[in-house]
Amino acid sequence: MTVTTYRWTLERYHHAVDAGVFDDQPVELLRGEIVVMPPEGEPHAYYNTCGADYLRRLLGARVQIRDAKPITLPNNSEPEPDIAVVKPLNRVYLQHHPYPEDIFWLVEYSNSSLKKDLDLKQAIYAEAGIQEYWVVNLQQRRLIVFRDPRLAVYQTEQIFSSGTISPAAFPEVAIALNQFLPA
C-alpha cells in the first residue's frame, strides 16, 4: 500500500488557522507539513524569556522582538521561532507575519527539540535566505551560530560558550553570552 500525505500551502494553512482548526493544538507549518510543537519545559521558557528581554533592552527601537510568533517563509513554511529579531515595521505585521527580508536573525532555545532545530529548521531557514540563525543548546549550555546562507545551506557555523557575540546585522552591538545562555 502506498501512503500519500497531504501537502499544505501557506494559503490553505492560513485558512485553516483562521477557521480555528488548530486552536487546541500548538502547531507550525514546515515545508508543507503540519508539525506539532512540544510543550515548553520550565528551563526553555525561562531562558527564552530572559534572552528576549535582554535583546529588547540592548537593541531598543532598532528592532522588534517577537517571542514564539509566526514568520512566513516561501518554502511553504510558517515556523514559530522562540525569538525573531525583525525590522520594526509595527502595523505592517497586521497584514502579514515577517518575511525573510524583514528578519535580522532568529533564535531557537533547544532542549528536546535540538535535533529538529539543528537539522530541519536550519535547512528551512537557510533555504529561505535567513541571514543568521542561532540555536541555544540548553543541554550543553552553548550557542551555535549559523550565517551566510548560500545555495540553501549555511556556509558558516560557530560555537560559543562564553564571551560576546555581535550579530551580523548589528556589528556594533556586543551581546554578552552570560546574559543569553544558561549559567
C-alpha atoms as a PDB file:
ATOM      1  CA  MET A   1       0.000   0.000   0.000  1.00  0.00           C
ATOM      2  CA  THR A   2       1.296   3.457  -0.895  1.00  0.00           C
ATOM      3  CA  VAL A   3       0.804   6.209   1.643  1.00  0.00           C
ATOM      4  CA  THR A   4       0.309   9.704   0.293  1.00  0.00           C
ATOM      5  CA  THR A   5       0.497  12.676   2.614  1.00  0.00           C
ATOM      6  CA  TYR A   6      -1.320  15.948   2.072  1.00  0.00           C
ATOM      7  CA  ARG A   7       0.985  18.909   1.457  1.00  0.00           C
ATOM      8  CA  TRP A   8      -0.241  22.202   2.845  1.00  0.00           C
ATOM      9  CA  THR A   9       0.257  25.522   1.092  1.00  0.00           C
ATOM     10  CA  LEU A  10       0.602  28.722   3.087  1.00  0.00           C
ATOM     11  CA  GLU A  11      -2.793  29.866   1.811  1.00  0.00           C
ATOM     12  CA  ARG A  12      -4.613  26.708   2.904  1.00  0.00           C
ATOM     13  CA  TYR A  13      -2.779  26.703   6.224  1.00  0.00           C
ATOM     14  CA  HIS A  14      -3.871  30.315   6.860  1.00  0.00           C
ATOM     15  CA  HIS A  15      -7.483  29.406   6.009  1.00  0.00           C
ATOM     16  CA  ALA A  16      -7.348  26.513   8.488  1.00  0.00           C
ATOM     17  CA  VAL A  17      -5.818  28.745  11.173  1.00  0.00           C
ATOM     18  CA  ASP A  18      -8.467  31.429  10.568  1.00  0.00           C
ATOM     19  CA  ALA A  19     -11.194  28.773  10.801  1.00  0.00           C
ATOM     20  CA  GLY A  20      -9.868  27.667  14.197  1.00  0.00           C
ATOM     21  CA  VAL A  21      -8.858  24.186  13.069  1.00  0.00           C
ATOM     22  CA  PHE A  22      -5.698  24.227  15.201  1.00  0.00           C
ATOM     23  CA  ASP A  23      -6.954  26.273  18.166  1.00  0.00           C
ATOM     24  CA  ASP A  24      -6.449  23.392  20.599  1.00  0.00           C
ATOM     25  CA  GLN A  25      -3.050  22.294  19.285  1.00  0.00           C
ATOM     26  CA  PRO A  26       0.253  24.205  19.040  1.00  0.00           C
ATOM     27  CA  VAL A  27       1.460  23.556  15.504  1.00  0.00           C
ATOM     28  CA  GLU A  28       3.717  25.064  12.883  1.00  0.00           C
ATOM     29  CA  LEU A  29       3.963  24.562   9.139  1.00  0.00           C
ATOM     30  CA  LEU A  30       7.334  23.184   7.981  1.00  0.00           C
ATOM     31  CA  ARG A  31       7.811  22.507   4.260  1.00  0.00           C
ATOM     32  CA  GLY A  32       4.110  21.948   3.785  1.00  0.00           C
ATOM     33  CA  GLU A  33       3.703  19.586   6.741  1.00  0.00           C
ATOM     34  CA  ILE A  34       1.855  20.367   9.952  1.00  0.00           C
ATOM     35  CA  VAL A  35       4.206  19.677  12.864  1.00  0.00           C
ATOM     36  CA  VAL A  36       3.014  19.545  16.470  1.00  0.00           C
ATOM     37  CA  MET A  37       5.179  21.671  18.743  1.00  0.00           C
ATOM     38  CA  PRO A  38       6.220  20.030  22.014  1.00  0.00           C
ATOM     39  CA  PRO A  39       5.288  21.847  25.213  1.00  0.00           C
ATOM     40  CA  GLU A  40       7.945  24.138  26.670  1.00  0.00           C
ATOM     41  CA  GLY A  41       9.635  22.975  29.824  1.00  0.00           C
ATOM     42  CA  GLU A  42      10.454  25.446  32.566  1.00  0.00           C
ATOM     43  CA  PRO A  43      14.140  25.958  31.594  1.00  0.00           C
ATOM     44  CA  HIS A  44      13.197  26.563  27.952  1.00  0.00           C
ATOM     45  CA  ALA A  45      10.505  29.106  28.878  1.00  0.00           C
ATOM     46  CA  TYR A  46      12.726  30.842  31.440  1.00  0.00           C
ATOM     47  CA  TYR A  47      15.817  31.271  29.244  1.00  0.00           C
ATOM     48  CA  ASN A  48      13.751  32.229  26.212  1.00  0.00           C
ATOM     49  CA  THR A  49      12.036  34.998  28.194  1.00  0.00           C
ATOM     50  CA  CYS A  50      15.331  36.218  29.684  1.00  0.00           C
ATOM     51  CA  GLY A  51      17.029  36.215  26.265  1.00  0.00           C
ATOM     52  CA  ALA A  52      14.181  38.124  24.595  1.00  0.00           C
ATOM     53  CA  ASP A  53      14.068  40.701  27.413  1.00  0.00           C
ATOM     54  CA  TYR A  54      17.844  41.174  27.216  1.00  0.00           C
ATOM     55  CA  LEU A  55      17.709  41.748  23.451  1.00  0.00           C
ATOM     56  CA  ARG A  56      14.876  44.267  23.881  1.00  0.00           C
ATOM     57  CA  ARG A  57      16.950  46.274  26.368  1.00  0.00           C
ATOM     58  CA  LEU A  58      20.095  46.028  24.253  1.00  0.00           C
ATOM     59  CA  LEU A  59      18.647  46.778  20.814  1.00  0.00           C
ATOM     60  CA  GLY A  60      15.800  49.125  21.747  1.00  0.00           C
ATOM     61  CA  ALA A  61      13.709  50.687  18.987  1.00  0.00           C
ATOM     62  CA  ARG A  62      16.036  49.474  16.208  1.00  0.00           C
ATOM     63  CA  VAL A  63      14.197  46.164  16.166  1.00  0.00           C
ATOM     64  CA  GLN A  64      11.068  44.362  17.194  1.00  0.00           C
ATOM     65  CA  ILE A  65      11.497  41.194  19.230  1.00  0.00           C
ATOM     66  CA  ARG A  66       8.802  38.612  18.531  1.00  0.00           C
ATOM     67  CA  ASP A  67       8.598  35.723  21.009  1.00  0.00           C
ATOM     68  CA  ALA A  68       7.214  32.455  19.588  1.00  0.00           C
ATOM     69  CA  LYS A  69       5.287  34.230  16.835  1.00  0.00           C
ATOM     70  CA  PRO A  70       4.999  33.009  13.238  1.00  0.00           C
ATOM     71  CA  ILE A  71       7.227  34.065  10.377  1.00  0.00           C
ATOM     72  CA  THR A  72       6.218  33.390   6.776  1.00  0.00           C
ATOM     73  CA  LEU A  73       8.760  31.727   4.507  1.00  0.00           C
ATOM     74  CA  PRO A  74       8.490  30.965   0.791  1.00  0.00           C
ATOM     75  CA  ASN A  75       9.075  27.200   1.176  1.00  0.00           C
ATOM     76  CA  ASN A  76       5.522  26.560   2.473  1.00  0.00           C
ATOM     77  CA  SER A  77       6.770  27.074   6.000  1.00  0.00           C
ATOM     78  CA  GLU A  78       5.432  29.149   8.833  1.00  0.00           C
ATOM     79  CA  PRO A  79       7.569  28.252  11.837  1.00  0.00           C
ATOM     80  CA  GLU A  80       7.350  29.966  15.210  1.00  0.00           C
ATOM     81  CA  PRO A  81      10.930  30.559  16.329  1.00  0.00           C
ATOM     82  CA  ASP A  82      11.474  31.276  20.002  1.00  0.00           C
ATOM     83  CA  ILE A  83      12.844  34.727  19.154  1.00  0.00           C
ATOM     84  CA  ALA A  84      12.627  36.567  15.855  1.00  0.00           C
ATOM     85  CA  VAL A  85      14.610  39.808  15.707  1.00  0.00           C
ATOM     86  CA  VAL A  86      12.828  41.718  12.962  1.00  0.00           C
ATOM     87  CA  LYS A  87      12.549  45.143  11.387  1.00  0.00           C
ATOM     88  CA  PRO A  88      10.278  47.417  13.432  1.00  0.00           C
ATOM     89  CA  LEU A  89       7.542  47.606  10.813  1.00  0.00           C
ATOM     90  CA  ASN A  90       4.860  47.733  13.519  1.00  0.00           C
ATOM     91  CA  ARG A  91       1.381  47.810  11.932  1.00  0.00           C
ATOM     92  CA  VAL A  92       2.639  46.148   8.731  1.00  0.00           C
ATOM     93  CA  TYR A  93       2.589  42.943  10.778  1.00  0.00           C
ATOM     94  CA  LEU A  94      -1.198  43.271  10.982  1.00  0.00           C
ATOM     95  CA  GLN A  95      -1.204  42.399   7.267  1.00  0.00           C
ATOM     96  CA  HIS A  96       1.394  39.617   7.296  1.00  0.00           C
ATOM     97  CA  HIS A  97       3.921  37.917   9.517  1.00  0.00           C
ATOM     98  CA  PRO A  98       7.570  38.891   8.924  1.00  0.00           C
ATOM     99  CA  TYR A  99       9.025  37.697   5.630  1.00  0.00           C
ATOM    100  CA  PRO A 100      12.706  36.727   5.230  1.00  0.00           C
ATOM    101  CA  GLU A 101      13.640  40.255   4.143  1.00  0.00           C
ATOM    102  CA  ASP A 102      12.149  41.595   7.404  1.00  0.00           C
ATOM    103  CA  ILE A 103      14.226  39.298   9.633  1.00  0.00           C
ATOM    104  CA  PHE A 104      17.607  40.238  11.108  1.00  0.00           C
ATOM    105  CA  TRP A 105      18.095  36.893  12.836  1.00  0.00           C
ATOM    106  CA  LEU A 106      16.279  34.024  14.540  1.00  0.00           C
ATOM    107  CA  VAL A 107      16.898  32.218  17.823  1.00  0.00           C
ATOM    108  CA  GLU A 108      15.736  28.796  18.960  1.00  0.00           C
ATOM    109  CA  TYR A 109      16.236  27.645  22.551  1.00  0.00           C
ATOM    110  CA  SER A 110      16.613  23.888  22.260  1.00  0.00           C
ATOM    111  CA  ASN A 111      16.363  21.065  24.693  1.00  0.00           C
ATOM    112  CA  SER A 112      14.042  18.299  23.485  1.00  0.00           C
ATOM    113  CA  SER A 113      13.813  19.943  20.024  1.00  0.00           C
ATOM    114  CA  LEU A 114      17.585  20.115  19.446  1.00  0.00           C
ATOM    115  CA  LYS A 115      17.682  17.658  16.530  1.00  0.00           C
ATOM    116  CA  LYS A 116      14.773  19.365  14.740  1.00  0.00           C
ATOM    117  CA  ASP A 117      16.307  22.817  15.286  1.00  0.00           C
ATOM    118  CA  LEU A 118      19.765  21.789  14.056  1.00  0.00           C
ATOM    119  CA  ASP A 119      18.542  19.779  11.067  1.00  0.00           C
ATOM    120  CA  LEU A 120      15.088  20.585   9.702  1.00  0.00           C
ATOM    121  CA  LYS A 121      14.737  24.181  10.878  1.00  0.00           C
ATOM    122  CA  GLN A 122      18.308  25.053   9.962  1.00  0.00           C
ATOM    123  CA  ALA A 123      17.680  23.807   6.414  1.00  0.00           C
ATOM    124  CA  ILE A 124      14.353  25.640   6.138  1.00  0.00           C
ATOM    125  CA  TYR A 125      15.881  28.918   7.357  1.00  0.00           C
ATOM    126  CA  ALA A 126      18.887  28.611   5.022  1.00  0.00           C
ATOM    127  CA  GLU A 127      16.599  27.835   2.051  1.00  0.00           C
ATOM    128  CA  ALA A 128      14.570  30.954   2.862  1.00  0.00           C
ATOM    129  CA  GLY A 129      17.719  33.100   2.986  1.00  0.00           C
ATOM    130  CA  ILE A 130      17.558  33.955   6.701  1.00  0.00           C
ATOM    131  CA  GLN A 131      20.937  35.640   7.158  1.00  0.00           C
ATOM    132  CA  GLU A 132      21.607  34.469  10.696  1.00  0.00           C
ATOM    133  CA  TYR A 133      20.232  31.690  12.873  1.00  0.00           C
ATOM    134  CA  TRP A 134      21.162  30.970  16.491  1.00  0.00           C
ATOM    135  CA  VAL A 135      20.491  27.739  18.372  1.00  0.00           C
ATOM    136  CA  VAL A 136      20.909  27.865  22.131  1.00  0.00           C
ATOM    137  CA  ASN A 137      21.731  24.297  23.132  1.00  0.00           C
ATOM    138  CA  LEU A 138      20.297  24.108  26.653  1.00  0.00           C
ATOM    139  CA  GLN A 139      21.765  20.634  27.162  1.00  0.00           C
ATOM    140  CA  GLN A 140      25.380  21.720  26.647  1.00  0.00           C
ATOM    141  CA  ARG A 141      24.968  25.419  27.527  1.00  0.00           C
ATOM    142  CA  ARG A 142      26.353  26.771  24.293  1.00  0.00           C
ATOM    143  CA  LEU A 143      25.322  28.906  21.358  1.00  0.00           C
ATOM    144  CA  ILE A 144      25.570  27.634  17.789  1.00  0.00           C
ATOM    145  CA  VAL A 145      25.545  30.419  15.205  1.00  0.00           C
ATOM    146  CA  PHE A 146      24.775  29.827  11.531  1.00  0.00           C
ATOM    147  CA  ARG A 147      25.463  32.547   8.953  1.00  0.00           C
ATOM    148  CA  ASP A 148      25.926  33.151   5.228  1.00  0.00           C
ATOM    149  CA  PRO A 149      23.186  31.095   3.560  1.00  0.00           C
ATOM    150  CA  ARG A 150      24.150  30.134   0.023  1.00  0.00           C
ATOM    151  CA  LEU A 151      22.517  27.508  -2.150  1.00  0.00           C
ATOM    152  CA  ALA A 152      20.142  26.623   0.722  1.00  0.00           C
ATOM    153  CA  VAL A 153      22.996  25.825   3.139  1.00  0.00           C
ATOM    154  CA  TYR A 154      24.635  27.928   5.852  1.00  0.00           C
ATOM    155  CA  GLN A 155      28.283  28.370   4.971  1.00  0.00           C
ATOM    156  CA  THR A 156      29.426  29.368   8.464  1.00  0.00           C
ATOM    157  CA  GLU A 157      28.849  27.606  11.779  1.00  0.00           C
ATOM    158  CA  GLN A 158      30.417  28.831  15.024  1.00  0.00           C
ATOM    159  CA  ILE A 159      30.030  27.562  18.577  1.00  0.00           C
ATOM    160  CA  PHE A 160      30.288  29.807  21.650  1.00  0.00           C
ATOM    161  CA  SER A 161      30.065  29.077  25.347  1.00  0.00           C
ATOM    162  CA  SER A 162      31.274  32.394  26.768  1.00  0.00           C
ATOM    163  CA  GLY A 163      32.345  35.889  25.796  1.00  0.00           C
ATOM    164  CA  THR A 164      30.420  38.179  23.494  1.00  0.00           C
ATOM    165  CA  ILE A 165      28.999  37.957  20.006  1.00  0.00           C
ATOM    166  CA  SER A 166      27.904  40.636  17.578  1.00  0.00           C
ATOM    167  CA  PRO A 167      25.033  39.825  15.247  1.00  0.00           C
ATOM    168  CA  ALA A 168      25.819  40.376  11.567  1.00  0.00           C
ATOM    169  CA  ALA A 169      23.031  42.963  11.254  1.00  0.00           C
ATOM    170  CA  PHE A 170      24.390  44.991  14.194  1.00  0.00           C
ATOM    171  CA  PRO A 171      28.182  44.564  14.301  1.00  0.00           C
ATOM    172  CA  GLU A 172      28.495  47.433  16.778  1.00  0.00           C
ATOM    173  CA  VAL A 173      26.396  45.574  19.384  1.00  0.00           C
ATOM    174  CA  ALA A 174      28.114  43.144  21.765  1.00  0.00           C
ATOM    175  CA  ILE A 175      25.782  40.519  23.213  1.00  0.00           C
ATOM    176  CA  ALA A 176      27.159  39.114  26.457  1.00  0.00           C
ATOM    177  CA  LEU A 177      26.629  35.382  26.366  1.00  0.00           C
ATOM    178  CA  ASN A 178      26.418  35.178  30.157  1.00  0.00           C
ATOM    179  CA  GLN A 179      23.151  37.162  29.750  1.00  0.00           C
ATOM    180  CA  PHE A 180      21.879  34.938  26.946  1.00  0.00           C
ATOM    181  CA  LEU A 181      22.963  31.394  27.830  1.00  0.00           C
ATOM    182  CA  PRO A 182      22.121  29.269  30.849  1.00  0.00           C
ATOM    183  CA  ALA A 183      24.681  29.534  33.639  1.00  0.00           C
END
